[in-house]
Amino acid sequence: MSSDTKNKAFNKDGKRSGKRPTDSRPHDSAPAKPGFAARAAATKILAAVIDRKTPLDGMLDAEGGNPAYKTLGESDRALVRAILNSALRHLPRIEATISSLLDSPLPEGARALHHVLVVGAAQMLYLDVPDHSAVDLAVEQANRDPRNRRFAKLVNAILRRIGREKQDILEKVAGVPAMPAWFLSRLEAAYGASAALEISETQLEPAAIDLTVKSDVEGWAKRLNGVVLPTGGVRLAAFEGSIPSLEGFGEGEWWVQDAAASIPAKLFGSLAGKRVVDLCAAPGGKTAQLILAGAKVTALDQSANRLKRLSGNLARLGFEAETVVADMSKYQPDELFDAALLDAPCSSTGTTRRHPDVLWTKGPEDVAKLAGLQGRLLRHALTLVKPGGVVVFSNCSLDPEEGEDLVARLLAETDSVERVPVAAGDWPGLEAAISPLGAFRTTPDMLPLADGFASGLDGFYAVVLRRRS
């Protein structure tokens, strides 16, 4: 931060020595400026995520989402998504910036004001939005909200200062971990301080687009300007356009699936002629992999709508599976299966590159609750396979409580289950992801790639278990 401005203090009304902030207070009934509705929607949705722990995906649904979002045109919706993703990815750094420019913390109960400042700062620091537009619309937001009107000058002053000192601010907050303290401390305990910070930095980058292809991986990588991954999939370079417009989509030659998410289904080995149940199956990427591997698949999910979507996805690929709507914890098949895949519901903390709201809608109590659920589901899944049958248990959590610790506890409590270690030599390029006990543990900082292709992958845990009796 420049030496001539870093000590200039702002009072609660936003006044600063030497310059009087503007106050363009509109009447509440006056027409809003272009772009105002998008910023107002972003602010409302941000508040719902942070203060009410509401998942972002549902609020950004085109049909059942947030009312303020649904009224917007597609370009404004894209802007809202960009603002929210940037704000949530960089929230600790944005909040540190705002705090450093205040004489004292915002008043108690000034959450609405906080969110206006965060939305404005996110645009200025991390998006290609003109500073004057972000400032002007944030001030209008404050003026139109009776709770914030008296702070409009403060909003103006803080954001204008961010605009003037942007580069200094970005350098100053670069060392602030970009995730909440509760989760960073858990990462440090599990992986060490250095690795935790590396994961924190990596999850700031948006997720890449990975594909699982039916055949001819090299050929499809060439056709789609992609690169072959150690998982056997294809990663695309950045491109303009939509996924359905790409060659091979309509013909069902491939489907979108993160590289880490494609690993669990590959751990079974040969499935030719085997009966396999995919528990918690929707949206169907892993189901498709099992079918491709030669299995006769039963896809189970407790949501009929999600299974309908799964069936549609399989139809595009030219695949078929038996579908069963059921609560898997109560499911009892007429005949035991040769194998089962349980990609269990979890905290999803490994997917923050594509779901940056996760760390702000979850907490330690959620991890503990979900780990308990996963343990119950895994025990039941093991009863669904024949003696000698295999269960692959996986989830997209980075927390050992939902992975390593859960499996260790299961194995300590029963002699009827054994671990089948994964051999690191079978996974060239991903040897670092194989634990000493032979489980898969990917983290977002793995899988570095050459320039032109995004590095990293989702955080995943996967283990192979065999039922002895």
Protein backbone atom coordinates (compact mmCIF):
# COMPACT_ATOMS: atom_id res chain seq x y z
CA MET A 1 0.00 0.00 0.00
CA SER A 2 1.47 3.42 -0.93
CA SER A 3 3.04 5.37 1.93
CA ASP A 4 1.08 8.57 1.26
CA THR A 5 -2.31 6.91 1.70
CA LYS A 6 -1.90 3.95 4.00
CA ASN A 7 -2.31 6.05 7.17
CA LYS A 8 -5.33 8.06 6.03
CA ALA A 9 -8.17 6.94 8.27
CA PHE A 10 -11.84 6.80 7.45
CA ASN A 11 -14.49 7.44 10.05
CA LYS A 12 -17.84 5.68 10.11
CA ASP A 13 -19.28 8.20 7.61
CA GLY A 14 -16.47 7.62 5.15
CA LYS A 15 -14.94 11.11 5.43
CA ARG A 16 -11.25 11.54 4.69
CA SER A 17 -8.96 14.51 5.04
CA GLY A 18 -8.50 16.43 1.82
CA LYS A 19 -11.37 14.98 -0.21
CA ARG A 20 -15.09 14.74 0.26
CA PRO A 21 -16.64 11.55 -1.14
CA THR A 22 -19.52 11.98 -3.50
CA ASP A 23 -23.06 11.15 -2.41
CA SER A 24 -25.21 10.34 -5.40
CA ARG A 25 -28.27 9.37 -3.39
CA PRO A 26 -31.13 8.35 -5.67
CA HIS A 27 -34.74 8.23 -4.65
CA ASP A 28 -35.82 4.64 -3.99
CA SER A 29 -38.41 4.95 -6.75
CA ALA A 30 -35.98 6.21 -9.39
CA PRO A 31 -35.06 3.76 -12.15
CA ALA A 32 -32.00 1.70 -11.28
CA LYS A 33 -28.83 2.15 -13.31
CA PRO A 34 -27.82 -0.51 -15.85
CA GLY A 35 -26.06 -3.35 -14.06
CA PHE A 36 -27.64 -2.59 -10.71
CA ALA A 37 -29.93 -5.64 -10.73
CA ALA A 38 -27.00 -8.01 -11.27
CA ARG A 39 -25.03 -6.52 -8.36
CA ALA A 40 -28.09 -6.56 -6.12
CA ALA A 41 -28.72 -10.22 -6.95
CA ALA A 42 -25.08 -11.12 -6.28
CA THR A 43 -25.24 -9.38 -2.91
CA LYS A 44 -28.43 -11.17 -1.88
CA ILE A 45 -27.09 -14.56 -2.90
CA LEU A 46 -23.75 -13.94 -1.19
CA ALA A 47 -25.61 -13.13 2.02
CA ALA A 48 -27.58 -16.37 1.75
CA VAL A 49 -24.38 -18.40 1.32
CA ILE A 50 -22.36 -16.80 4.10
CA ASP A 51 -25.02 -15.96 6.67
CA ARG A 52 -27.60 -18.69 6.10
CA LYS A 53 -25.31 -21.46 4.78
CA THR A 54 -27.41 -21.90 1.64
CA PRO A 55 -25.69 -23.92 -1.13
CA LEU A 56 -24.93 -21.86 -4.22
CA ASP A 57 -25.98 -24.32 -6.92
CA GLY A 58 -29.64 -24.27 -5.95
CA MET A 59 -29.79 -20.48 -5.94
CA LEU A 60 -28.27 -20.34 -9.43
CA ASP A 61 -30.71 -22.83 -10.90
CA ALA A 62 -32.43 -21.36 -13.97
CA GLU A 63 -35.86 -22.64 -12.90
CA GLY A 64 -35.92 -22.99 -9.13
CA GLY A 65 -33.21 -20.54 -8.16
CA ASN A 66 -33.11 -17.20 -6.38
CA PRO A 67 -35.91 -14.91 -7.66
CA ALA A 68 -33.56 -11.97 -8.20
CA TYR A 69 -31.27 -14.18 -10.28
CA LYS A 70 -34.06 -15.68 -12.38
CA THR A 71 -35.24 -12.24 -13.55
CA LEU A 72 -31.86 -11.48 -15.13
CA GLY A 73 -30.80 -11.98 -18.73
CA GLU A 74 -28.07 -14.50 -19.51
CA SER A 75 -25.23 -11.96 -19.66
CA ASP A 76 -26.17 -10.59 -16.24
CA ARG A 77 -26.50 -14.12 -14.86
CA ALA A 78 -22.98 -14.84 -16.08
CA LEU A 79 -21.76 -11.71 -14.32
CA VAL A 80 -23.48 -12.75 -11.08
CA ARG A 81 -21.84 -16.17 -11.25
CA ALA A 82 -18.44 -14.59 -11.87
CA ILE A 83 -18.85 -12.17 -8.96
CA LEU A 84 -19.94 -14.89 -6.57
CA ASN A 85 -17.22 -17.33 -7.57
CA SER A 86 -14.55 -14.66 -7.17
CA ALA A 87 -15.97 -13.34 -3.91
CA LEU A 88 -16.21 -16.79 -2.33
CA ARG A 89 -12.80 -17.97 -3.55
CA HIS A 90 -11.05 -14.88 -2.27
CA LEU A 91 -13.31 -13.99 0.67
CA PRO A 92 -10.64 -13.99 3.43
CA ARG A 93 -8.45 -11.69 1.33
CA ILE A 94 -11.32 -9.38 0.47
CA GLU A 95 -12.38 -9.17 4.10
CA ALA A 96 -8.77 -8.50 5.16
CA THR A 97 -8.62 -5.68 2.61
CA ILE A 98 -11.83 -4.07 3.83
CA SER A 99 -10.78 -4.36 7.48
CA SER A 100 -7.43 -2.73 6.77
CA LEU A 101 -9.18 0.34 5.36
CA LEU A 102 -11.54 0.85 8.30
CA ASP A 103 -10.86 2.81 11.47
CA SER A 104 -12.87 0.24 13.38
CA PRO A 105 -14.92 -2.85 12.53
CA LEU A 106 -18.27 -2.39 10.84
CA PRO A 107 -21.15 -1.89 13.29
CA GLU A 108 -22.86 -4.93 14.79
CA GLY A 109 -25.58 -6.14 12.49
CA ALA A 110 -24.13 -4.42 9.41
CA ARG A 111 -24.01 -7.64 7.43
CA ALA A 112 -25.85 -6.11 4.47
CA LEU A 113 -23.18 -3.40 4.28
CA HIS A 114 -20.45 -6.03 4.52
CA HIS A 115 -21.85 -7.91 1.53
CA VAL A 116 -22.13 -4.76 -0.60
CA LEU A 117 -18.46 -4.02 0.07
CA VAL A 118 -17.39 -7.60 -0.67
CA VAL A 119 -19.27 -7.66 -3.99
CA GLY A 120 -17.75 -4.33 -4.99
CA ALA A 121 -14.23 -5.30 -3.94
CA ALA A 122 -14.45 -8.70 -5.69
CA GLN A 123 -15.17 -6.97 -9.00
CA MET A 124 -12.34 -4.50 -8.57
CA LEU A 125 -9.66 -6.89 -7.34
CA TYR A 126 -10.40 -10.12 -9.20
CA LEU A 127 -12.62 -9.39 -12.20
CA ASP A 128 -12.25 -7.36 -15.37
CA VAL A 129 -14.93 -4.87 -14.34
CA PRO A 130 -14.29 -1.11 -14.64
CA ASP A 131 -13.61 0.31 -11.19
CA HIS A 132 -15.96 3.25 -11.68
CA SER A 133 -18.83 0.92 -12.49
CA ALA A 134 -18.25 -1.26 -9.41
CA VAL A 135 -17.99 1.80 -7.15
CA ASP A 136 -20.97 3.62 -8.62
CA LEU A 137 -23.31 0.64 -8.39
CA ALA A 138 -22.17 -0.25 -4.87
CA VAL A 139 -22.93 3.30 -3.73
CA GLU A 140 -26.35 3.07 -5.37
CA GLN A 141 -26.97 -0.22 -3.56
CA ALA A 142 -26.15 1.46 -0.26
CA ASN A 143 -28.36 4.44 -1.00
CA ARG A 144 -31.32 2.26 -1.95
CA ASP A 145 -31.13 0.21 1.25
CA PRO A 146 -32.45 2.01 4.37
CA ARG A 147 -30.07 -0.07 6.49
CA ASN A 148 -27.03 1.13 4.53
CA ARG A 149 -27.96 4.61 3.36
CA ARG A 150 -25.99 6.40 6.09
CA PHE A 151 -22.90 4.42 5.04
CA ALA A 152 -23.00 5.31 1.33
CA LYS A 153 -20.06 7.68 1.72
CA LEU A 154 -18.09 4.96 3.46
CA VAL A 155 -18.79 2.54 0.60
CA ASN A 156 -17.63 5.16 -1.88
CA ALA A 157 -14.44 5.93 0.03
CA ILE A 158 -13.41 2.35 0.72
CA LEU A 159 -13.95 1.15 -2.86
CA ARG A 160 -12.29 4.18 -4.43
CA ARG A 161 -9.26 3.60 -2.27
CA ILE A 162 -9.19 -0.05 -3.35
CA GLY A 163 -9.20 1.17 -6.94
CA ARG A 164 -6.26 3.53 -6.35
CA GLU A 165 -4.16 1.02 -4.41
CA LYS A 166 -5.17 -2.20 -6.15
CA GLN A 167 -1.72 -3.65 -6.85
CA ASP A 168 -0.38 -2.82 -3.41
CA ILE A 169 -3.45 -4.39 -1.82
CA LEU A 170 -3.17 -7.59 -3.87
CA GLU A 171 0.48 -7.97 -2.87
CA LYS A 172 -0.29 -7.31 0.77
CA VAL A 173 -3.08 -9.91 1.05
CA ALA A 174 -1.38 -12.55 -1.10
CA GLY A 175 -0.19 -14.26 2.08
CA VAL A 176 -3.68 -14.51 3.58
CA PRO A 177 -4.88 -18.15 3.27
CA ALA A 178 -7.88 -18.21 0.96
CA MET A 179 -10.05 -20.47 3.07
CA PRO A 180 -11.76 -20.29 6.46
CA ALA A 181 -9.66 -20.92 9.55
CA TRP A 182 -11.67 -23.98 10.64
CA PHE A 183 -10.84 -25.83 7.44
CA LEU A 184 -7.26 -24.63 7.08
CA SER A 185 -6.48 -25.97 10.56
CA ARG A 186 -7.88 -29.37 9.57
CA LEU A 187 -5.79 -29.42 6.40
CA GLU A 188 -2.67 -28.52 8.38
CA ALA A 189 -3.33 -31.36 10.81
CA ALA A 190 -3.84 -33.83 7.95
CA TYR A 191 -1.24 -32.75 5.39
CA GLY A 192 1.13 -30.31 7.11
CA ALA A 193 1.25 -26.52 6.99
CA SER A 194 3.10 -26.24 3.67
CA ALA A 195 0.78 -28.63 1.81
CA ALA A 196 -2.28 -26.97 3.34
CA LEU A 197 -1.22 -23.59 1.96
CA GLU A 198 -0.51 -25.14 -1.44
CA ILE A 199 -4.00 -26.65 -1.51
CA SER A 200 -5.43 -23.28 -0.46
CA GLU A 201 -3.69 -21.53 -3.34
CA THR A 202 -4.59 -24.18 -5.90
CA GLN A 203 -8.30 -24.06 -5.13
CA LEU A 204 -8.34 -20.41 -6.22
CA GLU A 205 -8.14 -21.56 -9.83
CA PRO A 206 -11.34 -22.66 -11.60
CA ALA A 207 -11.60 -26.36 -12.36
CA ALA A 208 -10.53 -27.68 -15.74
CA ILE A 209 -12.87 -29.54 -18.10
CA ASP A 210 -12.02 -33.24 -18.12
CA LEU A 211 -13.60 -35.92 -20.29
CA THR A 212 -13.94 -39.68 -19.98
CA VAL A 213 -13.97 -41.20 -23.47
CA LYS A 214 -15.27 -44.54 -24.66
CA SER A 215 -12.23 -45.38 -26.77
CA ASP A 216 -9.31 -43.89 -28.71
CA VAL A 217 -8.18 -41.51 -25.98
CA GLU A 218 -5.24 -40.23 -28.01
CA GLY A 219 -7.47 -39.59 -30.99
CA TRP A 220 -10.02 -37.61 -29.03
CA ALA A 221 -7.31 -35.60 -27.29
CA LYS A 222 -6.03 -34.59 -30.71
CA ARG A 223 -9.48 -33.82 -32.13
CA LEU A 224 -10.49 -31.69 -29.16
CA ASN A 225 -7.16 -29.94 -28.61
CA GLY A 226 -6.73 -31.73 -25.31
CA VAL A 227 -4.10 -33.69 -23.42
CA VAL A 228 -4.23 -37.28 -22.17
CA LEU A 229 -4.21 -37.54 -18.37
CA PRO A 230 -2.66 -40.25 -16.16
CA THR A 231 -6.22 -41.29 -15.30
CA GLY A 232 -6.84 -42.21 -18.94
CA GLY A 233 -9.11 -39.25 -19.59
CA VAL A 234 -8.71 -36.08 -21.65
CA ARG A 235 -8.30 -32.53 -20.35
CA LEU A 236 -9.36 -29.70 -22.62
CA ALA A 237 -7.52 -26.47 -23.12
CA ALA A 238 -9.51 -23.31 -22.45
CA PHE A 239 -12.05 -22.74 -25.18
CA GLU A 240 -14.96 -20.51 -26.08
CA GLY A 241 -18.32 -22.14 -26.60
CA SER A 242 -20.48 -24.82 -25.06
CA ILE A 243 -19.75 -28.46 -24.25
CA PRO A 244 -22.62 -29.79 -26.42
CA SER A 245 -21.14 -28.01 -29.42
CA LEU A 246 -17.93 -30.06 -29.28
CA GLU A 247 -17.29 -32.92 -31.68
CA GLY A 248 -18.39 -36.26 -30.30
CA PHE A 249 -20.90 -34.98 -27.74
CA GLY A 250 -24.01 -35.67 -29.78
CA GLU A 251 -22.66 -39.06 -30.82
CA GLY A 252 -22.07 -40.02 -27.18
CA GLU A 253 -18.34 -40.60 -27.58
CA TRP A 254 -17.44 -39.04 -24.22
CA TRP A 255 -18.81 -37.38 -21.10
CA VAL A 256 -17.60 -34.67 -18.74
CA GLN A 257 -16.06 -36.05 -15.55
CA ASP A 258 -13.32 -34.63 -13.35
CA ALA A 259 -10.13 -36.68 -13.51
CA ALA A 260 -10.29 -37.56 -9.80
CA ALA A 261 -13.95 -38.59 -10.03
CA SER A 262 -13.04 -41.08 -12.76
CA ILE A 263 -10.62 -43.00 -10.52
CA PRO A 264 -12.94 -45.02 -8.20
CA ALA A 265 -14.69 -46.96 -10.98
CA LYS A 266 -11.29 -47.93 -12.41
CA LEU A 267 -10.21 -49.61 -9.16
CA PHE A 268 -12.33 -52.72 -9.70
CA GLY A 269 -10.18 -54.09 -12.49
CA SER A 270 -11.97 -56.38 -14.92
CA LEU A 271 -15.78 -56.29 -14.62
CA ALA A 272 -16.71 -58.29 -17.70
CA GLY A 273 -19.88 -60.23 -16.99
CA LYS A 274 -20.11 -59.12 -13.36
CA ARG A 275 -23.17 -57.71 -11.60
CA VAL A 276 -22.33 -54.37 -10.03
CA VAL A 277 -24.47 -51.96 -8.05
CA ASP A 278 -23.68 -48.25 -8.22
CA LEU A 279 -25.02 -46.81 -4.99
CA CYS A 280 -25.81 -43.05 -4.93
CA ALA A 281 -25.42 -43.31 -8.71
CA ALA A 282 -26.73 -40.03 -10.18
CA PRO A 283 -25.77 -38.18 -12.33
CA GLY A 284 -24.25 -41.30 -13.87
CA GLY A 285 -20.63 -40.70 -14.85
CA LYS A 286 -19.38 -43.61 -12.75
CA THR A 287 -22.32 -45.77 -13.87
CA ALA A 288 -21.24 -45.19 -17.47
CA GLN A 289 -17.67 -46.21 -16.59
CA LEU A 290 -18.88 -49.46 -15.03
CA ILE A 291 -20.96 -50.27 -18.11
CA LEU A 292 -18.02 -49.43 -20.36
CA ALA A 293 -15.92 -51.88 -18.30
CA GLY A 294 -18.37 -54.67 -19.15
CA ALA A 295 -20.48 -54.82 -16.00
CA LYS A 296 -24.20 -55.39 -15.77
CA VAL A 297 -25.09 -52.38 -13.66
CA THR A 298 -27.87 -51.58 -11.24
CA ALA A 299 -27.92 -47.82 -10.65
CA LEU A 300 -29.52 -46.84 -7.36
CA ASP A 301 -30.45 -43.42 -6.05
CA GLN A 302 -33.05 -42.15 -3.62
CA SER A 303 -34.12 -39.37 -6.01
CA ALA A 304 -36.38 -40.31 -8.92
CA ASN A 305 -35.57 -37.00 -10.63
CA ARG A 306 -31.84 -37.63 -10.36
CA LEU A 307 -32.27 -41.12 -11.79
CA LYS A 308 -34.27 -39.67 -14.66
CA ARG A 309 -31.33 -37.40 -15.40
CA LEU A 310 -28.98 -40.40 -15.14
CA SER A 311 -31.07 -42.35 -17.65
CA GLY A 312 -30.95 -39.41 -20.05
CA ASN A 313 -27.18 -39.18 -19.74
CA LEU A 314 -26.80 -42.90 -20.37
CA ALA A 315 -29.13 -42.73 -23.37
CA ARG A 316 -26.89 -40.13 -25.03
CA LEU A 317 -23.97 -42.49 -24.55
CA GLY A 318 -25.88 -45.50 -25.88
CA PHE A 319 -25.74 -47.26 -22.50
CA GLU A 320 -28.40 -48.94 -20.39
CA ALA A 321 -28.62 -49.81 -16.72
CA GLU A 322 -31.28 -51.07 -14.38
CA THR A 323 -32.39 -48.14 -12.23
CA VAL A 324 -33.79 -48.43 -8.72
CA VAL A 325 -35.26 -45.61 -6.64
CA ALA A 326 -34.40 -46.48 -3.06
CA ASP A 327 -32.77 -45.34 0.16
CA MET A 328 -29.56 -47.33 -0.08
CA SER A 329 -29.31 -47.71 3.69
CA LYS A 330 -32.48 -49.86 3.50
CA TYR A 331 -31.93 -51.47 0.10
CA GLN A 332 -32.02 -55.26 0.01
CA PRO A 333 -31.47 -56.89 -3.39
CA ASP A 334 -33.00 -60.22 -4.36
CA GLU A 335 -29.50 -61.45 -5.17
CA LEU A 336 -26.15 -60.27 -3.85
CA PHE A 337 -23.83 -58.44 -6.25
CA ASP A 338 -20.29 -59.25 -7.33
CA ALA A 339 -19.21 -55.68 -6.58
CA ALA A 340 -20.53 -52.33 -5.34
CA LEU A 341 -19.45 -48.74 -5.81
CA LEU A 342 -20.30 -46.35 -3.00
CA ASP A 343 -19.44 -42.76 -3.87
CA ALA A 344 -20.88 -41.49 -0.63
CA PRO A 345 -22.48 -38.15 0.21
CA CYS A 346 -19.83 -36.03 1.90
CA SER A 347 -18.76 -32.49 2.75
CA SER A 348 -17.47 -32.02 -0.84
CA THR A 349 -14.44 -30.08 0.43
CA GLY A 350 -12.36 -31.50 -2.42
CA THR A 351 -14.47 -29.71 -5.03
CA THR A 352 -13.96 -26.07 -4.01
CA ARG A 353 -12.43 -25.19 -7.40
CA ARG A 354 -15.88 -25.63 -8.95
CA HIS A 355 -17.97 -25.16 -5.77
CA PRO A 356 -16.32 -22.32 -3.82
CA ASP A 357 -19.33 -21.98 -1.53
CA VAL A 358 -18.66 -25.35 0.15
CA LEU A 359 -16.22 -24.05 2.74
CA TRP A 360 -18.65 -21.30 3.75
CA THR A 361 -21.76 -23.48 4.00
CA LYS A 362 -20.10 -26.34 5.90
CA GLY A 363 -18.34 -26.61 9.25
CA PRO A 364 -16.68 -29.19 11.50
CA GLU A 365 -20.04 -30.39 12.74
CA ASP A 366 -21.08 -31.17 9.16
CA VAL A 367 -17.92 -33.19 8.57
CA ALA A 368 -18.58 -35.24 11.71
CA LYS A 369 -22.22 -35.79 10.82
CA LEU A 370 -21.43 -36.84 7.26
CA ALA A 371 -18.63 -39.14 8.38
CA GLY A 372 -21.12 -40.92 10.62
CA LEU A 373 -23.55 -41.31 7.72
CA GLN A 374 -20.79 -42.61 5.42
CA GLY A 375 -19.77 -45.20 8.00
CA ARG A 376 -23.32 -46.53 8.20
CA LEU A 377 -23.68 -46.59 4.42
CA LEU A 378 -20.36 -48.37 3.95
CA ARG A 379 -21.26 -51.07 6.45
CA HIS A 380 -24.52 -51.64 4.61
CA ALA A 381 -22.82 -51.62 1.20
CA LEU A 382 -20.61 -54.49 2.34
CA THR A 383 -23.72 -56.60 3.00
CA LEU A 384 -24.84 -56.16 -0.61
CA VAL A 385 -21.95 -58.12 -2.15
CA LYS A 386 -21.22 -61.83 -2.08
CA PRO A 387 -18.44 -63.21 0.12
CA GLY A 388 -15.29 -62.42 -1.81
CA GLY A 389 -17.06 -59.46 -3.43
CA VAL A 390 -15.47 -56.02 -3.61
CA VAL A 391 -16.72 -52.61 -2.51
CA VAL A 392 -15.01 -49.42 -3.69
CA PHE A 393 -15.73 -46.63 -1.23
CA SER A 394 -15.02 -43.06 -2.33
CA ASN A 395 -15.93 -39.44 -1.74
CA CYS A 396 -14.81 -35.96 -2.72
CA SER A 397 -13.78 -34.79 0.74
CA LEU A 398 -10.25 -33.73 1.72
CA ASP A 399 -10.91 -34.46 5.39
CA PRO A 400 -9.48 -37.76 6.75
CA GLU A 401 -12.43 -38.02 9.13
CA GLU A 402 -14.50 -38.89 6.06
CA GLY A 403 -11.86 -41.13 4.53
CA GLU A 404 -8.76 -42.62 6.11
CA ASP A 405 -10.04 -42.42 9.70
CA LEU A 406 -13.43 -43.87 8.81
CA VAL A 407 -11.95 -46.87 7.01
CA ALA A 408 -9.35 -47.51 9.73
CA ARG A 409 -12.13 -47.61 12.32
CA LEU A 410 -14.19 -50.03 10.20
CA LEU A 411 -11.28 -52.41 9.72
CA ALA A 412 -10.45 -52.30 13.42
CA GLU A 413 -14.01 -53.21 14.35
CA THR A 414 -14.55 -56.21 12.06
CA ASP A 415 -12.62 -59.19 10.73
CA SER A 416 -15.04 -59.77 7.89
CA VAL A 417 -13.56 -57.04 5.69
CA GLU A 418 -10.05 -56.57 4.31
CA ARG A 419 -8.33 -53.82 2.40
CA VAL A 420 -7.18 -54.52 -1.16
CA PRO A 421 -4.19 -52.20 -1.66
CA VAL A 422 -3.88 -50.19 -4.86
CA ALA A 423 -0.43 -50.57 -6.44
CA ALA A 424 1.29 -47.25 -7.17
CA GLY A 425 3.01 -48.85 -10.15
CA ASP A 426 -0.37 -49.27 -11.84
CA TRP A 427 -0.87 -45.50 -11.86
CA PRO A 428 2.13 -43.84 -13.55
CA GLY A 429 1.97 -40.10 -13.09
CA LEU A 430 -0.21 -40.41 -9.98
CA GLU A 431 2.12 -42.39 -7.72
CA ALA A 432 2.02 -39.57 -5.17
CA ALA A 433 -1.73 -40.09 -4.81
CA ILE A 434 -1.35 -43.66 -3.52
CA SER A 435 -1.07 -43.78 0.28
CA PRO A 436 1.30 -46.18 2.09
CA LEU A 437 -1.76 -48.34 2.87
CA GLY A 438 -2.75 -48.51 -0.79
CA ALA A 439 -5.66 -46.07 -0.88
CA PHE A 440 -6.12 -43.21 -3.33
CA ARG A 441 -5.85 -39.69 -1.92
CA THR A 442 -5.85 -36.88 -4.48
CA THR A 443 -5.51 -33.23 -3.53
CA PRO A 444 -6.15 -30.16 -5.71
CA ASP A 445 -2.43 -29.34 -5.95
CA MET A 446 -1.60 -32.61 -7.74
CA LEU A 447 -1.37 -33.21 -11.50
CA PRO A 448 0.79 -30.32 -12.77
CA LEU A 449 0.45 -29.86 -16.52
CA ALA A 450 2.23 -27.91 -19.23
CA ASP A 451 1.29 -24.34 -20.10
CA GLY A 452 -2.00 -24.10 -21.92
CA PHE A 453 -3.70 -26.65 -19.69
CA ALA A 454 -5.03 -26.06 -16.20
CA SER A 455 -3.28 -28.09 -13.52
CA GLY A 456 -4.89 -29.78 -10.52
CA LEU A 457 -7.86 -32.03 -9.90
CA ASP A 458 -10.53 -32.51 -7.28
CA GLY A 459 -9.66 -33.83 -3.85
CA PHE A 460 -10.82 -37.45 -3.63
CA TYR A 461 -10.47 -40.46 -1.38
CA ALA A 462 -10.98 -44.01 -2.66
CA VAL A 463 -10.28 -47.42 -1.15
CA VAL A 464 -10.93 -51.00 -2.23
CA LEU A 465 -12.45 -53.34 0.38
CA ARG A 466 -13.18 -57.05 0.08
CA ARG A 467 -15.87 -58.90 2.01
CA ARG A 468 -14.37 -62.03 3.53
CA SER A 469 -17.60 -63.60 4.72
